[in-house]
Amino acid sequence: MTNVIKIYPNLDTLCCRTFDVAETLMLLHQPTPSIFWSWGVELKLNYKNMGLLLKVNAHRHTGWLLISLSFSDLYDVYLFEDEKIKDEIKGLYFDQLLKAIDDKIEKLDNYEF
């Protein structure tokens, strides 16, 4: 079992309310599951039904990220490094979540589509 204290000692302070973590995980697979899997997701943890923790091996971030839902029904994303917040993205609507995370942790400027 993963010791979440070693990810970030104050995870509870970043989680505002409960939400359906499984539904959020499903949203990250749509419309293109390959984007989610390109992050090299190694572990997926439901944190008290208040956060989705993902351990990723992406191009621009290797480590843990937390997805939580704020009281205004917007998603917040936190990237962790050495038990500290490395970066954060706040106030995302559900349809912005996949692209915002991908832009932050995986996508390189020289990608061609």
Protein backbone atom coordinates (compact mmCIF):
# COMPACT_ATOMS: atom_id res chain seq x y z
CA MET A 1 0.00 0.00 0.00
CA THR A 2 1.25 3.45 -0.88
CA ASN A 3 1.89 5.80 2.02
CA VAL A 4 0.09 8.96 0.88
CA ILE A 5 1.86 10.99 3.59
CA LYS A 6 5.06 10.59 1.56
CA ILE A 7 3.35 12.06 -1.50
CA TYR A 8 2.36 15.26 0.31
CA PRO A 9 1.85 15.50 4.08
CA ASN A 10 -1.25 17.73 3.90
CA LEU A 11 -3.37 16.11 1.18
CA ASP A 12 -6.56 16.77 3.14
CA THR A 13 -6.04 20.53 2.80
CA LEU A 14 -6.13 20.20 -1.01
CA CYS A 15 -9.36 18.20 -1.08
CA CYS A 16 -12.57 20.16 -0.62
CA ARG A 17 -15.41 17.73 -1.19
CA THR A 18 -16.32 14.21 -2.16
CA PHE A 19 -16.91 13.27 -5.78
CA ASP A 20 -17.18 10.20 -7.98
CA VAL A 21 -13.51 9.39 -8.54
CA ALA A 22 -14.35 6.53 -10.93
CA GLU A 23 -16.40 8.89 -13.10
CA THR A 24 -13.52 11.38 -13.22
CA LEU A 25 -11.13 8.61 -14.18
CA MET A 26 -13.52 7.65 -16.97
CA LEU A 27 -13.56 11.27 -18.19
CA LEU A 28 -9.78 11.15 -18.54
CA HIS A 29 -10.16 8.29 -21.03
CA GLN A 30 -12.45 10.25 -23.35
CA PRO A 31 -12.49 11.08 -26.17
CA THR A 32 -8.97 9.68 -26.74
CA PRO A 33 -7.75 7.01 -24.28
CA SER A 34 -4.26 7.11 -25.77
CA ILE A 35 -3.69 10.58 -24.27
CA PHE A 36 -4.28 9.25 -20.75
CA TRP A 37 -2.10 6.17 -21.34
CA SER A 38 0.71 8.28 -22.83
CA TRP A 39 1.26 9.62 -19.31
CA GLY A 40 2.59 6.21 -18.26
CA VAL A 41 0.09 5.88 -15.41
CA GLU A 42 1.55 3.39 -12.97
CA LEU A 43 -0.89 3.69 -10.05
CA LYS A 44 -4.39 5.08 -9.55
CA LEU A 45 -5.59 5.73 -6.00
CA ASN A 46 -8.91 6.95 -4.68
CA TYR A 47 -8.07 9.26 -1.78
CA LYS A 48 -11.06 9.24 0.61
CA ASN A 49 -13.47 9.85 -2.31
CA MET A 50 -12.07 13.40 -2.28
CA GLY A 51 -9.17 13.02 -4.69
CA LEU A 52 -7.76 10.97 -7.51
CA LEU A 53 -4.05 10.32 -7.14
CA LEU A 54 -2.13 9.24 -10.23
CA LYS A 55 1.49 8.16 -10.34
CA VAL A 56 2.70 9.08 -13.83
CA ASN A 57 5.84 8.73 -15.94
CA ALA A 58 5.23 11.47 -18.48
CA HIS A 59 7.71 13.47 -20.55
CA ARG A 60 7.55 16.58 -18.39
CA HIS A 61 6.54 15.18 -15.01
CA THR A 62 7.39 11.94 -13.29
CA GLY A 63 5.70 11.38 -9.97
CA TRP A 64 2.35 11.98 -8.36
CA LEU A 65 -0.54 14.25 -9.28
CA LEU A 66 -3.79 14.86 -7.45
CA ILE A 67 -7.12 15.75 -9.02
CA SER A 68 -9.64 17.21 -6.58
CA LEU A 69 -13.01 18.92 -6.93
CA SER A 70 -13.56 22.35 -5.42
CA PHE A 71 -16.78 23.60 -3.83
CA SER A 72 -17.50 25.50 -7.06
CA ASP A 73 -17.58 22.16 -8.97
CA LEU A 74 -14.31 22.91 -10.75
CA TYR A 75 -11.32 20.59 -10.81
CA ASP A 76 -7.95 21.45 -9.31
CA VAL A 77 -4.80 19.54 -10.24
CA TYR A 78 -1.63 19.43 -8.14
CA LEU A 79 1.74 18.01 -9.21
CA PHE A 80 4.07 16.84 -6.45
CA GLU A 81 7.83 16.54 -6.18
CA ASP A 82 9.77 15.69 -3.00
CA GLU A 83 6.63 15.98 -0.83
CA LYS A 84 6.00 19.53 -2.08
CA ILE A 85 3.62 21.04 -4.62
CA LYS A 86 5.63 21.48 -7.81
CA ASP A 87 2.83 23.02 -9.86
CA GLU A 88 -0.94 23.45 -9.83
CA ILE A 89 -3.78 24.07 -12.25
CA LYS A 90 -6.99 25.40 -10.70
CA GLY A 91 -10.54 26.03 -11.83
CA LEU A 92 -10.90 23.49 -14.64
CA TYR A 93 -14.22 22.39 -16.08
CA PHE A 94 -14.52 18.65 -16.73
CA ASP A 95 -14.06 19.09 -20.48
CA GLN A 96 -10.78 20.98 -19.93
CA LEU A 97 -9.25 18.45 -17.55
CA LEU A 98 -7.60 16.03 -20.01
CA LYS A 99 -6.00 18.71 -22.20
CA ALA A 100 -4.82 20.82 -19.26
CA ILE A 101 -3.11 17.86 -17.59
CA ASP A 102 -1.61 16.65 -20.87
CA ASP A 103 -0.26 20.11 -21.69
CA LYS A 104 1.35 20.33 -18.26
CA ILE A 105 2.89 16.86 -17.90
CA GLU A 106 3.29 15.28 -21.33
CA LYS A 107 2.95 17.49 -24.40
CA LEU A 108 6.13 18.85 -25.91
CA ASP A 109 6.27 21.98 -28.07
CA ASN A 110 7.58 20.04 -31.07
CA TYR A 111 4.66 17.57 -31.19
CA GLU A 112 3.19 17.25 -34.67
CA PHE A 113 -0.37 16.12 -35.31
